[in-house]
N, C-alpha and C. Protein backbone atom coordinates (compact mmCIF):
# COMPACT_ATOMS: atom_id res chain seq x y z
N MET A 1 -9.78 -15.62 5.24
CA MET A 1 -8.73 -15.12 4.39
C MET A 1 -9.24 -13.88 3.64
N SER A 2 -8.37 -12.89 3.50
CA SER A 2 -8.74 -11.66 2.80
C SER A 2 -8.22 -11.70 1.37
N ASP A 3 -9.01 -11.16 0.47
CA ASP A 3 -8.61 -11.10 -0.93
C ASP A 3 -7.44 -10.14 -1.14
N ILE A 4 -7.48 -9.01 -0.41
CA ILE A 4 -6.51 -7.95 -0.61
C ILE A 4 -5.93 -7.54 0.73
N VAL A 5 -4.60 -7.45 0.78
CA VAL A 5 -3.91 -6.93 1.95
C VAL A 5 -3.49 -5.50 1.63
N ILE A 6 -3.79 -4.61 2.55
CA ILE A 6 -3.41 -3.20 2.41
C ILE A 6 -2.38 -2.92 3.49
N LEU A 7 -1.26 -2.33 3.08
CA LEU A 7 -0.16 -2.08 3.99
C LEU A 7 0.23 -0.60 3.95
N SER A 8 0.09 0.07 5.10
CA SER A 8 0.42 1.48 5.21
C SER A 8 1.77 1.66 5.87
N GLY A 9 2.64 2.43 5.22
CA GLY A 9 3.97 2.70 5.75
C GLY A 9 4.09 4.04 6.44
N SER A 10 2.99 4.64 6.84
CA SER A 10 3.04 5.94 7.50
C SER A 10 3.10 5.81 9.02
N PRO A 11 4.09 6.43 9.65
CA PRO A 11 4.16 6.40 11.10
C PRO A 11 3.24 7.42 11.77
N ALA A 12 2.66 8.34 11.01
CA ALA A 12 1.80 9.38 11.57
C ALA A 12 0.37 8.87 11.76
N ILE A 13 -0.27 9.36 12.82
CA ILE A 13 -1.67 9.03 13.08
C ILE A 13 -2.39 10.32 13.44
N PRO A 14 -3.41 10.74 12.72
CA PRO A 14 -3.82 10.22 11.42
C PRO A 14 -2.88 10.72 10.33
N SER A 15 -2.95 10.09 9.17
CA SER A 15 -2.09 10.51 8.07
C SER A 15 -2.87 10.53 6.77
N ARG A 16 -2.38 11.32 5.84
CA ARG A 16 -2.99 11.35 4.52
C ARG A 16 -2.80 10.01 3.81
N THR A 17 -1.72 9.33 4.12
CA THR A 17 -1.51 8.00 3.54
C THR A 17 -2.64 7.07 3.97
N ASP A 18 -2.92 7.02 5.27
CA ASP A 18 -3.99 6.15 5.77
C ASP A 18 -5.35 6.57 5.22
N ILE A 19 -5.61 7.85 5.15
CA ILE A 19 -6.88 8.33 4.60
C ILE A 19 -7.03 7.90 3.15
N SER A 20 -5.96 8.04 2.37
CA SER A 20 -5.99 7.64 0.96
C SER A 20 -6.18 6.14 0.81
N LEU A 21 -5.43 5.37 1.60
CA LEU A 21 -5.54 3.91 1.52
C LEU A 21 -6.91 3.43 1.96
N LYS A 22 -7.48 4.02 2.98
CA LYS A 22 -8.81 3.61 3.44
C LYS A 22 -9.88 3.96 2.40
N HIS A 23 -9.67 5.07 1.69
CA HIS A 23 -10.58 5.43 0.61
C HIS A 23 -10.51 4.38 -0.51
N ILE A 24 -9.29 4.01 -0.89
CA ILE A 24 -9.11 2.99 -1.92
C ILE A 24 -9.63 1.64 -1.42
N GLN A 25 -9.45 1.36 -0.15
CA GLN A 25 -10.02 0.13 0.44
C GLN A 25 -11.53 0.09 0.24
N SER A 26 -12.20 1.20 0.46
CA SER A 26 -13.66 1.22 0.28
C SER A 26 -14.03 0.97 -1.17
N LEU A 27 -13.22 1.46 -2.11
CA LEU A 27 -13.50 1.25 -3.53
C LEU A 27 -13.34 -0.22 -3.92
N VAL A 28 -12.29 -0.89 -3.43
CA VAL A 28 -12.12 -2.30 -3.79
C VAL A 28 -13.15 -3.18 -3.08
N GLU A 29 -13.57 -2.78 -1.89
CA GLU A 29 -14.63 -3.52 -1.21
C GLU A 29 -15.96 -3.41 -1.96
N LYS A 30 -16.20 -2.25 -2.59
CA LYS A 30 -17.41 -2.09 -3.42
C LYS A 30 -17.37 -3.00 -4.64
N GLU A 31 -16.15 -3.43 -5.02
CA GLU A 31 -15.99 -4.36 -6.14
C GLU A 31 -16.17 -5.81 -5.69
N GLY A 32 -16.45 -6.01 -4.40
CA GLY A 32 -16.73 -7.34 -3.89
C GLY A 32 -15.56 -8.06 -3.23
N PHE A 33 -14.46 -7.37 -3.00
CA PHE A 33 -13.29 -7.98 -2.38
C PHE A 33 -13.31 -7.78 -0.87
N THR A 34 -12.73 -8.73 -0.16
CA THR A 34 -12.51 -8.56 1.27
C THR A 34 -11.09 -8.02 1.45
N THR A 35 -10.87 -7.28 2.53
CA THR A 35 -9.58 -6.65 2.75
C THR A 35 -9.10 -6.86 4.18
N ALA A 36 -7.79 -6.79 4.33
CA ALA A 36 -7.16 -6.76 5.65
C ALA A 36 -6.20 -5.57 5.63
N TYR A 37 -6.34 -4.68 6.59
CA TYR A 37 -5.56 -3.44 6.64
C TYR A 37 -4.52 -3.53 7.74
N PHE A 38 -3.26 -3.27 7.38
CA PHE A 38 -2.17 -3.25 8.34
C PHE A 38 -1.42 -1.93 8.21
N SER A 39 -1.09 -1.35 9.35
CA SER A 39 -0.26 -0.15 9.40
C SER A 39 1.02 -0.50 10.12
N ILE A 40 2.10 0.17 9.78
CA ILE A 40 3.33 -0.09 10.50
C ILE A 40 3.18 0.21 11.98
N THR A 41 2.23 1.05 12.31
CA THR A 41 1.99 1.37 13.72
C THR A 41 1.37 0.20 14.48
N ASP A 42 0.92 -0.82 13.76
CA ASP A 42 0.36 -2.03 14.39
C ASP A 42 1.46 -2.96 14.91
N PHE A 43 2.70 -2.71 14.55
CA PHE A 43 3.80 -3.61 14.86
C PHE A 43 4.70 -3.02 15.94
N SER A 44 5.22 -3.88 16.76
CA SER A 44 6.11 -3.48 17.84
C SER A 44 7.39 -2.87 17.28
N ALA A 45 7.78 -1.72 17.82
CA ALA A 45 9.04 -1.10 17.41
C ALA A 45 10.20 -2.03 17.70
N ASP A 46 10.12 -2.77 18.79
CA ASP A 46 11.18 -3.73 19.12
C ASP A 46 11.27 -4.82 18.05
N ASP A 47 10.13 -5.33 17.59
CA ASP A 47 10.15 -6.35 16.55
C ASP A 47 10.80 -5.81 15.28
N LEU A 48 10.45 -4.58 14.92
CA LEU A 48 11.01 -3.99 13.70
C LEU A 48 12.49 -3.70 13.86
N PHE A 49 12.85 -3.09 14.97
CA PHE A 49 14.24 -2.69 15.18
C PHE A 49 15.16 -3.88 15.36
N GLN A 50 14.68 -4.90 16.04
CA GLN A 50 15.52 -6.07 16.32
C GLN A 50 15.37 -7.18 15.27
N GLY A 51 14.58 -6.92 14.24
CA GLY A 51 14.46 -7.87 13.14
C GLY A 51 13.82 -9.19 13.53
N ARG A 52 12.78 -9.14 14.33
CA ARG A 52 12.11 -10.36 14.78
C ARG A 52 11.12 -10.85 13.72
N TYR A 53 11.65 -11.51 12.70
CA TYR A 53 10.83 -12.03 11.61
C TYR A 53 9.85 -13.11 12.08
N ASN A 54 10.10 -13.69 13.24
CA ASN A 54 9.24 -14.76 13.75
C ASN A 54 8.29 -14.29 14.86
N SER A 55 8.12 -12.97 14.99
CA SER A 55 7.16 -12.49 15.98
C SER A 55 5.74 -12.85 15.52
N GLU A 56 4.85 -12.96 16.46
CA GLU A 56 3.47 -13.34 16.15
C GLU A 56 2.83 -12.40 15.13
N ASP A 57 3.05 -11.10 15.30
CA ASP A 57 2.43 -10.11 14.39
C ASP A 57 3.02 -10.20 12.98
N ILE A 58 4.31 -10.39 12.87
CA ILE A 58 4.95 -10.51 11.55
C ILE A 58 4.49 -11.79 10.86
N LEU A 59 4.41 -12.88 11.61
CA LEU A 59 3.94 -14.15 11.04
C LEU A 59 2.49 -14.03 10.56
N LYS A 60 1.66 -13.31 11.32
CA LYS A 60 0.27 -13.10 10.92
C LYS A 60 0.20 -12.31 9.61
N LEU A 61 1.00 -11.25 9.51
CA LEU A 61 1.04 -10.46 8.28
C LEU A 61 1.51 -11.33 7.11
N SER A 62 2.56 -12.08 7.31
CA SER A 62 3.09 -12.95 6.25
C SER A 62 2.04 -13.94 5.77
N GLU A 63 1.29 -14.50 6.71
CA GLU A 63 0.23 -15.45 6.36
C GLU A 63 -0.87 -14.78 5.56
N LYS A 64 -1.26 -13.57 5.97
CA LYS A 64 -2.31 -12.83 5.24
C LYS A 64 -1.84 -12.52 3.82
N ILE A 65 -0.58 -12.07 3.69
CA ILE A 65 -0.05 -11.75 2.37
C ILE A 65 0.01 -13.00 1.50
N SER A 66 0.43 -14.10 2.08
CA SER A 66 0.52 -15.36 1.35
C SER A 66 -0.82 -15.79 0.75
N GLY A 67 -1.89 -15.57 1.50
CA GLY A 67 -3.21 -15.98 1.04
C GLY A 67 -3.96 -14.94 0.23
N ALA A 68 -3.38 -13.74 0.10
CA ALA A 68 -4.06 -12.65 -0.60
C ALA A 68 -4.00 -12.83 -2.12
N ARG A 69 -4.96 -12.24 -2.79
CA ARG A 69 -4.97 -12.23 -4.26
C ARG A 69 -4.29 -10.99 -4.82
N GLY A 70 -4.17 -9.95 -4.00
CA GLY A 70 -3.54 -8.70 -4.41
C GLY A 70 -3.13 -7.90 -3.19
N ILE A 71 -2.26 -6.92 -3.43
CA ILE A 71 -1.73 -6.10 -2.34
C ILE A 71 -1.78 -4.64 -2.76
N ILE A 72 -2.12 -3.81 -1.80
CA ILE A 72 -2.03 -2.36 -1.97
C ILE A 72 -1.05 -1.88 -0.91
N ILE A 73 -0.02 -1.15 -1.34
CA ILE A 73 0.99 -0.68 -0.41
C ILE A 73 1.16 0.82 -0.59
N GLY A 74 1.15 1.54 0.54
CA GLY A 74 1.25 2.99 0.48
C GLY A 74 2.24 3.54 1.47
N SER A 75 2.84 4.67 1.11
CA SER A 75 3.81 5.32 1.98
C SER A 75 3.88 6.80 1.67
N PRO A 76 4.12 7.61 2.70
CA PRO A 76 4.50 8.98 2.40
C PRO A 76 5.91 8.99 1.82
N VAL A 77 6.25 10.05 1.13
CA VAL A 77 7.60 10.20 0.59
C VAL A 77 8.46 10.86 1.66
N TYR A 78 9.52 10.18 2.05
CA TYR A 78 10.52 10.72 2.98
C TYR A 78 11.86 10.68 2.25
N LYS A 79 12.47 11.82 2.06
CA LYS A 79 13.79 11.89 1.41
C LYS A 79 13.79 11.14 0.08
N ALA A 80 12.78 11.37 -0.74
CA ALA A 80 12.65 10.82 -2.09
C ALA A 80 12.43 9.31 -2.12
N SER A 81 11.91 8.72 -1.03
CA SER A 81 11.68 7.28 -1.00
C SER A 81 10.54 6.97 -0.02
N TYR A 82 10.26 5.68 0.16
CA TYR A 82 9.28 5.24 1.15
C TYR A 82 9.91 5.39 2.54
N THR A 83 9.11 5.22 3.57
CA THR A 83 9.61 5.40 4.93
C THR A 83 10.57 4.27 5.32
N GLY A 84 11.51 4.60 6.16
CA GLY A 84 12.47 3.61 6.65
C GLY A 84 11.79 2.53 7.47
N VAL A 85 10.77 2.91 8.21
CA VAL A 85 10.09 1.92 9.03
C VAL A 85 9.29 0.93 8.16
N LEU A 86 8.79 1.38 7.00
CA LEU A 86 8.16 0.45 6.07
C LEU A 86 9.21 -0.54 5.57
N LYS A 87 10.40 -0.07 5.25
CA LYS A 87 11.48 -0.96 4.81
C LYS A 87 11.84 -1.95 5.90
N ALA A 88 11.87 -1.49 7.15
CA ALA A 88 12.17 -2.41 8.26
C ALA A 88 11.13 -3.53 8.32
N LEU A 89 9.87 -3.20 8.09
CA LEU A 89 8.82 -4.22 8.09
C LEU A 89 8.96 -5.15 6.89
N ILE A 90 9.16 -4.58 5.73
CA ILE A 90 9.30 -5.39 4.51
C ILE A 90 10.48 -6.36 4.63
N ASP A 91 11.56 -5.91 5.28
CA ASP A 91 12.73 -6.77 5.45
C ASP A 91 12.44 -8.02 6.27
N LEU A 92 11.36 -8.01 7.04
CA LEU A 92 11.01 -9.16 7.88
C LEU A 92 10.10 -10.16 7.17
N LEU A 93 9.62 -9.80 5.99
CA LEU A 93 8.76 -10.71 5.24
C LEU A 93 9.60 -11.76 4.51
N PRO A 94 9.01 -12.91 4.24
CA PRO A 94 9.76 -13.95 3.52
C PRO A 94 10.15 -13.49 2.12
N GLU A 95 11.24 -14.04 1.63
CA GLU A 95 11.67 -13.75 0.27
C GLU A 95 10.55 -14.14 -0.69
N GLY A 96 10.25 -13.29 -1.63
CA GLY A 96 9.19 -13.59 -2.59
C GLY A 96 7.79 -13.49 -2.00
N ALA A 97 7.62 -12.71 -0.95
CA ALA A 97 6.33 -12.63 -0.25
C ALA A 97 5.18 -12.18 -1.16
N PHE A 98 5.48 -11.37 -2.17
CA PHE A 98 4.43 -10.84 -3.05
C PHE A 98 4.34 -11.64 -4.36
N LYS A 99 4.98 -12.79 -4.43
CA LYS A 99 5.14 -13.54 -5.69
C LYS A 99 3.83 -13.74 -6.45
N GLY A 100 3.84 -13.24 -7.69
CA GLY A 100 2.72 -13.43 -8.59
C GLY A 100 1.49 -12.61 -8.28
N LYS A 101 1.60 -11.69 -7.34
CA LYS A 101 0.42 -10.91 -6.94
C LYS A 101 0.48 -9.50 -7.54
N PRO A 102 -0.63 -9.01 -8.06
CA PRO A 102 -0.66 -7.62 -8.47
C PRO A 102 -0.54 -6.72 -7.24
N VAL A 103 0.27 -5.68 -7.37
CA VAL A 103 0.50 -4.76 -6.26
C VAL A 103 0.26 -3.34 -6.75
N LEU A 104 -0.65 -2.65 -6.07
CA LEU A 104 -0.96 -1.26 -6.39
C LEU A 104 -0.17 -0.36 -5.46
N PRO A 105 0.85 0.35 -5.98
CA PRO A 105 1.64 1.26 -5.13
C PRO A 105 1.00 2.64 -5.04
N ILE A 106 1.01 3.18 -3.83
CA ILE A 106 0.45 4.51 -3.55
C ILE A 106 1.50 5.31 -2.79
N MET A 107 1.76 6.55 -3.21
CA MET A 107 2.67 7.41 -2.46
C MET A 107 2.08 8.80 -2.34
N ILE A 108 2.39 9.46 -1.24
CA ILE A 108 1.91 10.80 -0.96
C ILE A 108 3.13 11.66 -0.64
N GLY A 109 3.27 12.76 -1.37
CA GLY A 109 4.41 13.66 -1.15
C GLY A 109 3.98 15.10 -1.04
N GLY A 110 4.91 15.94 -0.62
CA GLY A 110 4.64 17.35 -0.41
C GLY A 110 4.49 18.15 -1.70
N SER A 111 5.05 17.63 -2.78
CA SER A 111 4.96 18.33 -4.07
C SER A 111 5.13 17.32 -5.19
N ASN A 112 4.92 17.78 -6.42
CA ASN A 112 5.11 16.92 -7.59
C ASN A 112 6.57 16.57 -7.85
N ARG A 113 7.49 17.23 -7.14
CA ARG A 113 8.92 16.95 -7.35
C ARG A 113 9.27 15.52 -6.98
N HIS A 114 8.45 14.88 -6.17
CA HIS A 114 8.75 13.51 -5.73
C HIS A 114 7.93 12.46 -6.49
N LEU A 115 7.33 12.86 -7.58
CA LEU A 115 6.47 11.98 -8.37
C LEU A 115 7.15 10.67 -8.76
N LEU A 116 8.42 10.70 -9.06
CA LEU A 116 9.12 9.51 -9.52
C LEU A 116 9.51 8.56 -8.38
N ALA A 117 9.19 8.91 -7.14
CA ALA A 117 9.51 8.02 -6.01
C ALA A 117 8.82 6.66 -6.17
N ILE A 118 7.65 6.65 -6.78
CA ILE A 118 6.98 5.37 -7.02
C ILE A 118 7.85 4.50 -7.94
N ASP A 119 8.31 5.09 -9.04
CA ASP A 119 9.07 4.32 -10.04
C ASP A 119 10.48 3.95 -9.59
N TYR A 120 11.12 4.84 -8.84
CA TYR A 120 12.52 4.62 -8.49
C TYR A 120 12.73 4.06 -7.09
N ALA A 121 11.70 4.01 -6.27
CA ALA A 121 11.86 3.48 -4.91
C ALA A 121 10.88 2.35 -4.62
N LEU A 122 9.57 2.63 -4.73
CA LEU A 122 8.58 1.65 -4.29
C LEU A 122 8.44 0.47 -5.26
N LYS A 123 8.40 0.73 -6.54
CA LYS A 123 8.26 -0.37 -7.51
C LYS A 123 9.43 -1.35 -7.47
N PRO A 124 10.68 -0.88 -7.36
CA PRO A 124 11.77 -1.85 -7.23
C PRO A 124 11.64 -2.72 -5.97
N LEU A 125 11.17 -2.14 -4.88
CA LEU A 125 10.96 -2.91 -3.65
C LEU A 125 9.90 -4.00 -3.88
N ILE A 126 8.82 -3.62 -4.55
CA ILE A 126 7.76 -4.59 -4.87
C ILE A 126 8.32 -5.70 -5.75
N SER A 127 9.13 -5.34 -6.72
CA SER A 127 9.72 -6.33 -7.63
C SER A 127 10.66 -7.28 -6.91
N ILE A 128 11.43 -6.79 -5.96
CA ILE A 128 12.34 -7.64 -5.18
C ILE A 128 11.55 -8.72 -4.44
N LEU A 129 10.32 -8.37 -4.02
CA LEU A 129 9.46 -9.34 -3.33
C LEU A 129 8.67 -10.18 -4.32
N LYS A 130 8.98 -10.04 -5.62
CA LYS A 130 8.39 -10.82 -6.71
C LYS A 130 6.93 -10.45 -7.01
N GLY A 131 6.52 -9.25 -6.55
CA GLY A 131 5.19 -8.76 -6.87
C GLY A 131 5.16 -8.17 -8.27
N GLU A 132 3.97 -7.92 -8.76
CA GLU A 132 3.78 -7.35 -10.09
C GLU A 132 3.19 -5.95 -9.94
N PRO A 133 4.06 -4.92 -9.88
CA PRO A 133 3.57 -3.57 -9.62
C PRO A 133 2.77 -3.01 -10.78
N LEU A 134 1.67 -2.37 -10.43
CA LEU A 134 0.87 -1.63 -11.41
C LEU A 134 1.42 -0.21 -11.50
N GLN A 135 0.80 0.62 -12.31
CA GLN A 135 1.27 1.98 -12.49
C GLN A 135 1.34 2.72 -11.16
N GLY A 136 0.29 2.66 -10.37
CA GLY A 136 0.28 3.32 -9.07
C GLY A 136 -0.28 4.73 -9.12
N ILE A 137 -0.43 5.29 -7.94
CA ILE A 137 -0.99 6.63 -7.80
C ILE A 137 -0.10 7.45 -6.88
N TYR A 138 0.25 8.65 -7.33
CA TYR A 138 0.99 9.60 -6.52
C TYR A 138 0.06 10.75 -6.19
N PHE A 139 -0.07 11.03 -4.91
CA PHE A 139 -0.87 12.17 -4.45
C PHE A 139 0.06 13.24 -3.90
N VAL A 140 -0.32 14.49 -4.10
CA VAL A 140 0.31 15.61 -3.41
C VAL A 140 -0.51 15.83 -2.14
N ASP A 141 0.16 16.09 -1.03
CA ASP A 141 -0.51 16.26 0.27
C ASP A 141 -1.81 17.06 0.18
N LYS A 142 -1.73 18.20 -0.48
CA LYS A 142 -2.89 19.11 -0.49
C LYS A 142 -4.08 18.54 -1.27
N GLU A 143 -3.89 17.44 -2.01
CA GLU A 143 -4.99 16.82 -2.75
C GLU A 143 -5.85 15.93 -1.85
N ILE A 144 -5.39 15.68 -0.63
CA ILE A 144 -6.11 14.81 0.31
C ILE A 144 -6.70 15.66 1.42
N ASP A 145 -8.02 15.65 1.52
CA ASP A 145 -8.73 16.42 2.54
C ASP A 145 -8.84 15.59 3.82
N LYS A 146 -8.01 15.92 4.81
CA LYS A 146 -8.01 15.17 6.07
C LYS A 146 -9.30 15.38 6.87
N GLN A 147 -10.01 16.45 6.57
CA GLN A 147 -11.24 16.75 7.30
C GLN A 147 -12.43 15.95 6.79
N ASP A 148 -12.28 15.31 5.63
CA ASP A 148 -13.38 14.54 5.05
C ASP A 148 -12.88 13.15 4.63
N PRO A 149 -12.59 12.27 5.61
CA PRO A 149 -12.02 10.97 5.27
C PRO A 149 -12.95 10.08 4.44
N GLU A 150 -14.25 10.33 4.46
CA GLU A 150 -15.18 9.53 3.66
C GLU A 150 -15.07 9.85 2.17
N SER A 151 -14.71 11.09 1.87
CA SER A 151 -14.56 11.54 0.49
C SER A 151 -13.37 12.50 0.42
N PRO A 152 -12.15 11.97 0.59
CA PRO A 152 -10.99 12.85 0.76
C PRO A 152 -10.45 13.48 -0.52
N ILE A 153 -10.91 13.01 -1.69
CA ILE A 153 -10.38 13.51 -2.95
C ILE A 153 -11.44 14.37 -3.61
N LYS A 154 -11.11 15.62 -3.84
CA LYS A 154 -12.09 16.58 -4.39
C LYS A 154 -11.88 16.85 -5.88
N ASP A 155 -10.65 16.74 -6.36
CA ASP A 155 -10.35 17.02 -7.76
C ASP A 155 -10.89 15.89 -8.63
N MET A 156 -11.77 16.21 -9.57
CA MET A 156 -12.42 15.17 -10.38
C MET A 156 -11.44 14.40 -11.27
N ASN A 157 -10.40 15.06 -11.76
CA ASN A 157 -9.39 14.34 -12.55
C ASN A 157 -8.68 13.30 -11.71
N LEU A 158 -8.40 13.64 -10.46
CA LEU A 158 -7.76 12.69 -9.56
C LEU A 158 -8.72 11.57 -9.16
N VAL A 159 -9.99 11.91 -8.97
CA VAL A 159 -11.01 10.89 -8.69
C VAL A 159 -11.04 9.87 -9.83
N ASP A 160 -11.03 10.37 -11.07
CA ASP A 160 -11.03 9.48 -12.24
C ASP A 160 -9.77 8.62 -12.30
N ARG A 161 -8.62 9.22 -11.98
CA ARG A 161 -7.36 8.48 -12.01
C ARG A 161 -7.35 7.37 -10.97
N VAL A 162 -7.86 7.68 -9.77
CA VAL A 162 -7.93 6.68 -8.71
C VAL A 162 -8.85 5.54 -9.14
N GLN A 163 -10.01 5.88 -9.67
CA GLN A 163 -10.96 4.85 -10.10
C GLN A 163 -10.37 3.99 -11.21
N SER A 164 -9.64 4.61 -12.13
CA SER A 164 -9.00 3.88 -13.21
C SER A 164 -7.96 2.90 -12.68
N GLN A 165 -7.16 3.33 -11.72
CA GLN A 165 -6.14 2.44 -11.14
C GLN A 165 -6.78 1.31 -10.33
N VAL A 166 -7.85 1.62 -9.62
CA VAL A 166 -8.57 0.56 -8.88
C VAL A 166 -9.12 -0.46 -9.87
N GLN A 167 -9.68 0.01 -10.97
CA GLN A 167 -10.23 -0.90 -11.97
C GLN A 167 -9.13 -1.77 -12.58
N GLU A 168 -7.98 -1.17 -12.87
CA GLU A 168 -6.84 -1.93 -13.40
C GLU A 168 -6.39 -2.99 -12.39
N PHE A 169 -6.37 -2.63 -11.13
CA PHE A 169 -5.99 -3.57 -10.06
C PHE A 169 -6.97 -4.74 -9.98
N VAL A 170 -8.25 -4.42 -10.01
CA VAL A 170 -9.30 -5.45 -9.97
C VAL A 170 -9.16 -6.39 -11.16
N GLU A 171 -8.96 -5.83 -12.34
CA GLU A 171 -8.81 -6.65 -13.55
C GLU A 171 -7.56 -7.54 -13.48
N ALA A 172 -6.47 -7.00 -12.92
CA ALA A 172 -5.24 -7.79 -12.80
C ALA A 172 -5.47 -8.98 -11.87
N ILE A 173 -6.23 -8.78 -10.82
CA ILE A 173 -6.54 -9.88 -9.90
C ILE A 173 -7.43 -10.91 -10.60
N GLN A 174 -8.43 -10.44 -11.31
CA GLN A 174 -9.35 -11.35 -11.98
C GLN A 174 -8.66 -12.16 -13.06
N ILE A 175 -7.76 -11.56 -13.81
CA ILE A 175 -7.03 -12.26 -14.87
C ILE A 175 -6.20 -13.39 -14.29
N ARG A 176 -5.58 -13.17 -13.14
CA ARG A 176 -4.73 -14.18 -12.53
C ARG A 176 -5.52 -15.31 -11.89
N ASN A 177 -6.81 -15.12 -11.74
CA ASN A 177 -7.62 -16.12 -11.05
C ASN A 177 -8.72 -16.70 -11.95
N ILE A 178 -8.46 -16.69 -13.24
CA ILE A 178 -9.44 -17.26 -14.18
C ILE A 178 -9.29 -18.77 -14.21
């Protein structure tokens, strides 16, 4: 069983979303947590399109989420929201799938104009699944260096913000498991 499930809603390979999430994954693993990483590209388009909530892959994801202590969910911003294919996947999860779990939302957009997509799109989705959304992190595309996936964030203020959010996430998990 993994302590933390990471879910990427980016259909692009490679993507800045995946690079950012994998960087955050390395930070939480340094804190001693185990992780399981899922991308929407891991799931059959037929399962998503036809709503096969009982497919083997969807059931495996549901089981991992059920046993997790926390969730990290990330998506690029498409039309001021998360990706439609991420929504298709989320729709196949059981009601209350994130119940009582801290959830760290991550979004990546082309400019700061989409900064509120976390608050107005992703956090309500997390809440519908009964998760407990943290503040989250919004990245602008150009802040993620795709050429250096081991250290993709160069701006020190952003490095500090990411570390602060990871620490808040870790503390939220620890508080719930005292």
